């Protein structure tokens, strides 16, 4: 009898945090901003001994000066990256808050190209799909 090998699945948690200024017209570049970390990437982390909420909390505490309990993240995407790896994408929508970025920065979505910052096309699609409801 052949023995089945159980492969341990790596789970990547990606946290899309956006600021939406509802008082600013949606055509204004400052209406919709995306949080990027110090490496100009959307914050993410692999789950290890912590569950998804603890992992999201770690990401938030590392990148933001905002109480995580106030953020209400929701799953907005899931993707299998390989046989052993998947990604769960969470989204949190916030109002503009001064000095809310601890590590990294909020950038208007339209400025990504201007500063030659590339985000994963999958994340860009998720943001585009969600932005219609802001």
N, C-alpha and C. Protein backbone atom coordinates (compact mmCIF):
# COMPACT_ATOMS: atom_id res chain seq x y z
N UNK A 1 0.84 -1.18 0.00
CA UNK A 1 0.00 0.00 0.00
C UNK A 1 0.88 1.24 0.00
N UNK A 2 0.55 2.15 -0.84
CA UNK A 2 1.31 3.39 -0.90
C UNK A 2 0.90 4.29 0.25
N UNK A 3 1.88 4.95 0.81
CA UNK A 3 1.60 5.90 1.89
C UNK A 3 1.35 7.28 1.29
N UNK A 4 0.32 7.88 1.80
CA UNK A 4 0.03 9.23 1.36
C UNK A 4 0.85 10.21 2.17
N UNK A 5 1.45 11.11 1.49
CA UNK A 5 2.19 12.16 2.17
C UNK A 5 1.30 13.39 2.28
N UNK A 6 1.16 13.86 3.48
CA UNK A 6 0.39 15.08 3.67
C UNK A 6 1.33 16.27 3.50
N UNK A 7 0.96 17.13 2.61
CA UNK A 7 1.77 18.32 2.40
C UNK A 7 1.21 19.44 3.26
N UNK A 8 2.11 20.14 3.85
CA UNK A 8 1.68 21.28 4.66
C UNK A 8 1.48 22.47 3.75
N UNK A 9 0.28 23.02 3.78
CA UNK A 9 -0.06 24.16 2.95
C UNK A 9 0.39 25.44 3.64
N UNK A 10 1.14 26.27 2.91
CA UNK A 10 1.51 27.59 3.42
C UNK A 10 0.39 28.55 3.07
N UNK A 11 0.00 29.37 4.05
CA UNK A 11 -1.07 30.32 3.83
C UNK A 11 -0.51 31.74 3.98
N UNK A 12 -0.61 32.48 2.90
CA UNK A 12 -0.17 33.87 2.89
C UNK A 12 -1.40 34.75 3.13
N UNK A 13 -1.29 35.64 4.10
CA UNK A 13 -2.36 36.59 4.39
C UNK A 13 -1.94 37.94 3.83
N UNK A 14 -2.73 38.49 2.93
CA UNK A 14 -2.48 39.81 2.37
C UNK A 14 -3.57 40.74 2.88
N UNK A 15 -3.16 41.93 3.31
CA UNK A 15 -4.09 42.87 3.93
C UNK A 15 -4.16 44.15 3.11
N UNK A 16 -5.20 44.26 2.29
CA UNK A 16 -5.45 45.48 1.52
C UNK A 16 -6.14 46.48 2.45
N UNK A 17 -5.47 47.57 2.72
CA UNK A 17 -6.06 48.62 3.56
C UNK A 17 -6.16 49.86 2.68
N UNK A 18 -7.37 50.38 2.56
CA UNK A 18 -7.57 51.56 1.73
C UNK A 18 -8.23 52.67 2.55
N UNK A 19 -7.90 53.87 2.17
CA UNK A 19 -8.56 55.05 2.75
C UNK A 19 -9.43 55.65 1.66
N UNK A 20 -10.69 55.88 2.02
CA UNK A 20 -11.63 56.48 1.08
C UNK A 20 -12.16 57.77 1.70
N UNK A 21 -11.92 58.86 1.00
CA UNK A 21 -12.38 60.17 1.45
C UNK A 21 -13.72 60.45 0.77
N UNK A 22 -14.80 60.10 1.44
CA UNK A 22 -16.13 60.21 0.84
C UNK A 22 -16.55 61.65 0.57
N UNK A 23 -15.94 62.60 1.27
CA UNK A 23 -16.29 64.02 1.07
C UNK A 23 -15.58 64.61 -0.15
N UNK A 24 -14.63 63.86 -0.70
CA UNK A 24 -13.90 64.31 -1.89
C UNK A 24 -14.50 63.59 -3.09
N UNK A 25 -14.69 64.30 -4.19
CA UNK A 25 -15.26 63.71 -5.40
C UNK A 25 -14.40 62.52 -5.84
N UNK A 26 -15.06 61.48 -6.34
CA UNK A 26 -14.35 60.25 -6.70
C UNK A 26 -13.32 60.42 -7.80
N UNK A 27 -13.38 61.51 -8.55
CA UNK A 27 -12.37 61.74 -9.60
C UNK A 27 -11.09 62.38 -9.05
N UNK A 28 -11.16 62.89 -7.82
CA UNK A 28 -9.98 63.48 -7.18
C UNK A 28 -9.01 62.36 -6.81
N UNK A 29 -7.72 62.51 -7.12
CA UNK A 29 -6.74 61.45 -6.83
C UNK A 29 -6.67 61.08 -5.34
N UNK A 30 -7.01 61.99 -4.46
CA UNK A 30 -6.94 61.71 -3.03
C UNK A 30 -8.20 61.03 -2.48
N UNK A 31 -9.15 60.72 -3.34
CA UNK A 31 -10.38 60.04 -2.90
C UNK A 31 -10.08 58.61 -2.43
N UNK A 32 -9.16 57.93 -3.10
CA UNK A 32 -8.91 56.50 -2.86
C UNK A 32 -7.41 56.26 -2.74
N UNK A 33 -6.95 55.87 -1.56
CA UNK A 33 -5.52 55.61 -1.33
C UNK A 33 -5.33 54.20 -0.81
N UNK A 34 -4.19 53.63 -1.16
CA UNK A 34 -3.84 52.25 -0.81
C UNK A 34 -2.64 52.26 0.13
N UNK A 35 -2.69 51.41 1.15
CA UNK A 35 -1.54 51.27 2.06
C UNK A 35 -0.49 50.37 1.42
N UNK A 36 0.74 50.89 1.38
CA UNK A 36 1.90 50.09 0.97
C UNK A 36 2.88 50.09 2.13
N UNK A 37 3.61 48.99 2.27
CA UNK A 37 4.59 48.91 3.35
C UNK A 37 5.86 49.65 2.95
N UNK A 38 6.86 49.60 3.80
CA UNK A 38 8.12 50.32 3.55
C UNK A 38 8.83 49.83 2.29
N UNK A 39 8.49 48.63 1.81
CA UNK A 39 9.08 48.08 0.59
C UNK A 39 8.21 48.33 -0.64
N UNK A 40 7.23 49.22 -0.50
CA UNK A 40 6.31 49.58 -1.57
C UNK A 40 5.49 48.38 -2.05
N UNK A 41 5.12 47.52 -1.12
CA UNK A 41 4.29 46.34 -1.41
C UNK A 41 3.04 46.39 -0.54
N UNK A 42 2.01 45.70 -0.98
CA UNK A 42 0.83 45.56 -0.14
C UNK A 42 1.23 44.65 1.01
N UNK A 43 0.93 45.04 2.25
CA UNK A 43 1.38 44.25 3.41
C UNK A 43 0.84 42.82 3.39
N UNK A 44 1.72 41.89 3.72
CA UNK A 44 1.33 40.48 3.80
C UNK A 44 2.26 39.76 4.76
N UNK A 45 1.83 38.58 5.14
CA UNK A 45 2.62 37.76 6.07
C UNK A 45 2.11 36.34 5.98
N UNK A 46 3.00 35.39 6.17
CA UNK A 46 2.59 33.99 6.18
C UNK A 46 2.10 33.61 7.57
N UNK A 47 1.03 32.81 7.60
CA UNK A 47 0.54 32.31 8.88
C UNK A 47 1.55 31.29 9.38
N UNK A 48 1.78 31.31 10.68
CA UNK A 48 2.67 30.31 11.27
C UNK A 48 1.94 29.67 12.43
N UNK A 49 2.30 30.03 13.63
CA UNK A 49 1.63 29.46 14.81
C UNK A 49 0.39 30.26 15.18
N UNK A 50 0.19 31.39 14.53
CA UNK A 50 -0.96 32.24 14.84
C UNK A 50 -2.08 31.98 13.83
N UNK A 51 -3.32 32.23 14.25
CA UNK A 51 -4.44 32.08 13.32
C UNK A 51 -4.54 33.33 12.44
N UNK A 52 -5.55 33.35 11.55
CA UNK A 52 -5.64 34.46 10.59
C UNK A 52 -5.89 35.80 11.27
N UNK A 53 -6.70 35.83 12.33
CA UNK A 53 -6.95 37.12 12.99
C UNK A 53 -5.68 37.65 13.65
N UNK A 54 -4.94 36.78 14.29
CA UNK A 54 -3.69 37.21 14.92
C UNK A 54 -2.67 37.66 13.87
N UNK A 55 -2.65 36.98 12.74
CA UNK A 55 -1.74 37.36 11.66
C UNK A 55 -2.13 38.73 11.09
N UNK A 56 -3.42 38.95 10.86
CA UNK A 56 -3.89 40.26 10.40
C UNK A 56 -3.56 41.34 11.41
N UNK A 57 -3.75 41.04 12.68
CA UNK A 57 -3.45 42.00 13.75
C UNK A 57 -1.96 42.36 13.72
N UNK A 58 -1.09 41.36 13.54
CA UNK A 58 0.35 41.61 13.43
C UNK A 58 0.67 42.55 12.27
N UNK A 59 0.06 42.28 11.12
CA UNK A 59 0.29 43.12 9.94
C UNK A 59 -0.16 44.55 10.23
N UNK A 60 -1.34 44.69 10.82
CA UNK A 60 -1.87 46.02 11.12
C UNK A 60 -0.98 46.76 12.12
N UNK A 61 -0.59 46.08 13.19
CA UNK A 61 0.23 46.73 14.22
C UNK A 61 1.60 47.13 13.69
N UNK A 62 2.12 46.38 12.74
CA UNK A 62 3.42 46.71 12.16
C UNK A 62 3.32 47.93 11.23
N UNK A 63 2.20 48.07 10.54
CA UNK A 63 2.08 49.08 9.49
C UNK A 63 1.21 50.29 9.81
N UNK A 64 0.39 50.20 10.85
CA UNK A 64 -0.59 51.26 11.11
C UNK A 64 -0.60 51.74 12.55
N UNK A 65 -1.00 52.97 12.72
CA UNK A 65 -1.23 53.55 14.05
C UNK A 65 -2.73 53.57 14.34
N UNK A 66 -3.40 52.50 14.02
CA UNK A 66 -4.86 52.39 14.17
C UNK A 66 -5.15 51.12 14.96
N UNK A 67 -6.11 51.19 15.85
CA UNK A 67 -6.52 50.02 16.62
C UNK A 67 -7.15 48.99 15.68
N UNK A 68 -6.60 47.80 15.65
CA UNK A 68 -7.08 46.75 14.75
C UNK A 68 -8.56 46.44 14.98
N UNK A 69 -9.02 46.50 16.21
CA UNK A 69 -10.42 46.17 16.52
C UNK A 69 -11.40 47.12 15.84
N UNK A 70 -10.93 48.25 15.36
CA UNK A 70 -11.75 49.24 14.70
C UNK A 70 -11.80 49.03 13.18
N UNK A 71 -11.00 48.10 12.66
CA UNK A 71 -10.80 47.99 11.21
C UNK A 71 -11.80 47.08 10.48
N UNK A 72 -12.32 46.07 11.09
CA UNK A 72 -13.30 45.15 10.48
C UNK A 72 -12.87 44.60 9.12
N UNK A 73 -11.77 43.87 9.06
CA UNK A 73 -11.34 43.30 7.78
C UNK A 73 -12.30 42.21 7.30
N UNK A 74 -12.47 42.14 5.99
CA UNK A 74 -13.33 41.13 5.37
C UNK A 74 -12.55 40.44 4.25
N UNK A 75 -12.81 39.16 4.07
CA UNK A 75 -12.17 38.41 2.99
C UNK A 75 -12.69 38.96 1.66
N UNK A 76 -11.77 39.28 0.76
CA UNK A 76 -12.19 39.77 -0.56
C UNK A 76 -11.58 38.93 -1.68
N UNK A 77 -10.71 37.97 -1.33
CA UNK A 77 -10.12 37.14 -2.37
C UNK A 77 -9.40 35.93 -1.82
N UNK A 78 -9.31 34.91 -2.65
CA UNK A 78 -8.57 33.69 -2.32
C UNK A 78 -7.96 33.19 -3.62
N UNK A 79 -6.70 32.78 -3.53
CA UNK A 79 -6.01 32.31 -4.73
C UNK A 79 -5.01 31.24 -4.35
N UNK A 80 -4.96 30.20 -5.13
CA UNK A 80 -3.95 29.17 -4.95
C UNK A 80 -2.72 29.61 -5.72
N UNK A 81 -1.60 29.74 -5.02
CA UNK A 81 -0.37 30.21 -5.64
C UNK A 81 0.47 29.07 -6.20
N UNK A 82 0.39 27.90 -5.56
CA UNK A 82 1.12 26.71 -6.00
C UNK A 82 0.48 25.50 -5.33
N UNK A 83 1.07 24.35 -5.52
CA UNK A 83 0.55 23.13 -4.88
C UNK A 83 0.60 23.23 -3.36
N UNK A 84 1.57 23.96 -2.84
CA UNK A 84 1.76 24.04 -1.40
C UNK A 84 1.44 25.40 -0.79
N UNK A 85 0.91 26.32 -1.59
CA UNK A 85 0.74 27.67 -1.09
C UNK A 85 -0.55 28.31 -1.61
N UNK A 86 -1.24 29.01 -0.70
CA UNK A 86 -2.42 29.77 -1.10
C UNK A 86 -2.36 31.15 -0.45
N UNK A 87 -3.19 32.05 -0.96
CA UNK A 87 -3.24 33.41 -0.44
C UNK A 87 -4.68 33.77 -0.14
N UNK A 88 -4.90 34.30 1.06
CA UNK A 88 -6.20 34.83 1.44
C UNK A 88 -6.02 36.35 1.54
N UNK A 89 -6.87 37.09 0.83
CA UNK A 89 -6.76 38.54 0.79
C UNK A 89 -7.91 39.13 1.61
N UNK A 90 -7.55 40.00 2.54
CA UNK A 90 -8.52 40.71 3.36
C UNK A 90 -8.51 42.17 2.97
N UNK A 91 -9.65 42.83 3.14
CA UNK A 91 -9.79 44.24 2.82
C UNK A 91 -10.39 44.98 4.01
N UNK A 92 -9.83 46.14 4.29
CA UNK A 92 -10.39 47.03 5.29
C UNK A 92 -10.44 48.43 4.69
N UNK A 93 -11.61 49.07 4.79
CA UNK A 93 -11.80 50.41 4.24
C UNK A 93 -11.88 51.39 5.41
N UNK A 94 -11.04 52.40 5.35
CA UNK A 94 -10.96 53.40 6.43
C UNK A 94 -11.20 54.80 5.88
N UNK A 95 -11.62 55.70 6.75
CA UNK A 95 -11.64 57.11 6.34
C UNK A 95 -10.20 57.64 6.41
N UNK A 96 -9.92 58.76 5.78
CA UNK A 96 -8.58 59.34 5.90
C UNK A 96 -8.30 59.71 7.36
N UNK A 97 -7.16 59.27 7.85
CA UNK A 97 -6.74 59.55 9.23
C UNK A 97 -5.29 60.02 9.16
N UNK A 98 -5.03 61.23 9.67
CA UNK A 98 -3.67 61.76 9.66
C UNK A 98 -2.72 60.84 10.42
N UNK A 99 -1.54 60.66 9.87
CA UNK A 99 -0.47 59.88 10.49
C UNK A 99 -0.91 58.46 10.86
N UNK A 100 -1.78 57.88 10.03
CA UNK A 100 -2.25 56.52 10.31
C UNK A 100 -1.25 55.45 9.88
N UNK A 101 -0.35 55.78 8.96
CA UNK A 101 0.66 54.82 8.53
C UNK A 101 1.86 54.90 9.47
N UNK A 102 2.22 53.76 10.03
CA UNK A 102 3.37 53.68 10.94
C UNK A 102 4.62 53.34 10.14
N UNK A 103 4.53 52.32 9.34
CA UNK A 103 5.62 51.87 8.49
C UNK A 103 5.05 51.82 7.08
N UNK A 104 5.60 52.56 6.19
CA UNK A 104 5.02 52.63 4.86
C UNK A 104 4.21 53.89 4.70
N UNK A 105 3.22 53.84 3.77
CA UNK A 105 2.49 55.05 3.44
C UNK A 105 1.23 54.71 2.67
N UNK A 106 0.29 55.66 2.64
CA UNK A 106 -0.89 55.56 1.79
C UNK A 106 -0.59 56.34 0.53
N UNK A 107 -0.92 55.74 -0.61
CA UNK A 107 -0.65 56.38 -1.90
C UNK A 107 -1.93 56.36 -2.73
N UNK A 108 -2.23 57.48 -3.40
CA UNK A 108 -3.37 57.46 -4.31
C UNK A 108 -3.16 56.39 -5.38
N UNK A 109 -4.21 55.65 -5.70
CA UNK A 109 -4.08 54.56 -6.67
C UNK A 109 -3.51 55.05 -7.99
N UNK A 110 -3.88 56.26 -8.41
CA UNK A 110 -3.39 56.81 -9.67
C UNK A 110 -1.90 57.13 -9.67
N UNK A 111 -1.29 57.23 -8.49
CA UNK A 111 0.14 57.55 -8.40
C UNK A 111 1.03 56.31 -8.49
N UNK A 112 0.45 55.13 -8.48
CA UNK A 112 1.27 53.91 -8.56
C UNK A 112 2.13 53.93 -9.83
N UNK A 113 1.50 54.22 -10.94
CA UNK A 113 2.23 54.23 -12.22
C UNK A 113 3.23 55.39 -12.25
N UNK A 114 2.80 56.55 -11.75
CA UNK A 114 3.67 57.74 -11.74
C UNK A 114 5.00 57.45 -11.04
N UNK A 115 4.95 56.71 -9.93
CA UNK A 115 6.15 56.39 -9.16
C UNK A 115 6.72 55.00 -9.49
N UNK A 116 6.20 54.41 -10.57
CA UNK A 116 6.67 53.11 -11.04
C UNK A 116 6.57 52.02 -9.97
N UNK A 117 5.47 52.07 -9.20
CA UNK A 117 5.21 51.06 -8.18
C UNK A 117 4.26 50.04 -8.80
N UNK A 118 4.68 48.78 -8.78
CA UNK A 118 3.86 47.72 -9.36
C UNK A 118 3.22 46.90 -8.24
N UNK A 119 1.92 46.71 -8.36
CA UNK A 119 1.27 45.79 -7.43
C UNK A 119 0.79 44.58 -8.23
N UNK A 120 0.62 43.50 -7.56
CA UNK A 120 0.18 42.26 -8.19
C UNK A 120 -1.12 42.53 -8.97
N UNK A 121 -1.20 42.08 -10.23
CA UNK A 121 -2.42 42.31 -11.01
C UNK A 121 -3.68 41.76 -10.34
N UNK A 122 -3.54 40.66 -9.60
CA UNK A 122 -4.68 40.10 -8.87
C UNK A 122 -5.18 41.08 -7.82
N UNK A 123 -4.26 41.69 -7.08
CA UNK A 123 -4.64 42.68 -6.06
C UNK A 123 -5.25 43.92 -6.72
N UNK A 124 -4.69 44.34 -7.84
CA UNK A 124 -5.23 45.49 -8.56
C UNK A 124 -6.67 45.20 -9.01
N UNK A 125 -6.92 43.99 -9.47
CA UNK A 125 -8.28 43.62 -9.90
C UNK A 125 -9.24 43.63 -8.71
N UNK A 126 -8.80 43.08 -7.57
CA UNK A 126 -9.65 43.09 -6.38
C UNK A 126 -9.98 44.52 -5.95
N UNK A 127 -8.98 45.40 -5.99
CA UNK A 127 -9.20 46.80 -5.64
C UNK A 127 -10.16 47.46 -6.62
N UNK A 128 -9.99 47.19 -7.90
CA UNK A 128 -10.85 47.76 -8.91
C UNK A 128 -12.29 47.32 -8.73
N UNK A 129 -12.48 46.02 -8.45
CA UNK A 129 -13.83 45.49 -8.24
C UNK A 129 -14.48 46.12 -7.02
N UNK A 130 -13.71 46.32 -5.96
CA UNK A 130 -14.26 46.86 -4.72
C UNK A 130 -14.47 48.37 -4.79
N UNK A 131 -13.64 49.06 -5.58
CA UNK A 131 -13.70 50.52 -5.60
C UNK A 131 -15.02 51.05 -6.14
N UNK A 132 -15.75 50.25 -6.88
CA UNK A 132 -17.04 50.71 -7.40
C UNK A 132 -18.03 50.96 -6.29
N UNK A 133 -17.84 50.29 -5.16
CA UNK A 133 -18.78 50.43 -4.05
C UNK A 133 -18.41 51.51 -3.04
N UNK A 134 -17.30 52.23 -3.28
CA UNK A 134 -16.85 53.23 -2.29
C UNK A 134 -17.49 54.56 -2.54
